[in-house]
Amino acid sequence: MTRTLFTLDDLVRLDRLAAQYDFRARTAKSTSEHCEFMQSAAHLRQLRAKVETAIERWPTPGRKPLTPRQLDVYRWVYRETRANGFAPSFAEIAAHFGFTSIATVHEHMDNIERKGYFKREFNMARSLTCLVAIDEVIEEPKITMAVRA
């Protein structure tokens, strides 16, 4: 049995396909075409719900926890990817978080990718793929120290 790893990009693609079928159903010339496109759109939405459930339940064994700053960056990139359908550029990430250098963004992304939360294509712009749903991100434990007076 083969397992397929679904990503957030797959959810975006399914959303776009369903929207295309909705549009085709609205502009269909016959009732049979309209029904066919509506059924296809409904099927894609069901498939999307199953994929989203699979992504949310995907176990995260062996992943190292993210630092608070890495967690902030990952959450923002995750939300932007879901909202826009593509990942933000490193310049956009730097602008959002007030980083003065793109190298800082590279360092954060390298560390987050090394911990297993992102996948990037070599030498391609906006090629970040989020592999873990926000709910499953492991946050570093906060260490508190007692101070004696």
Foldseek 3Di string as FASTA:
>chain_A
DDDDQDFLLVLLVLVVQLVVLCVCLVVPPDPVSNVVSPVVSVVSVVVSVVNVVCQAPPDDPPFDADEPVLLVLLVVQVVCCNVPVFGDFLVVSCVVVVPPDSVVVVVSVVVCVVSPQWDADPPDTRRTIGRHDSVNHHHDDDDDDDDDD
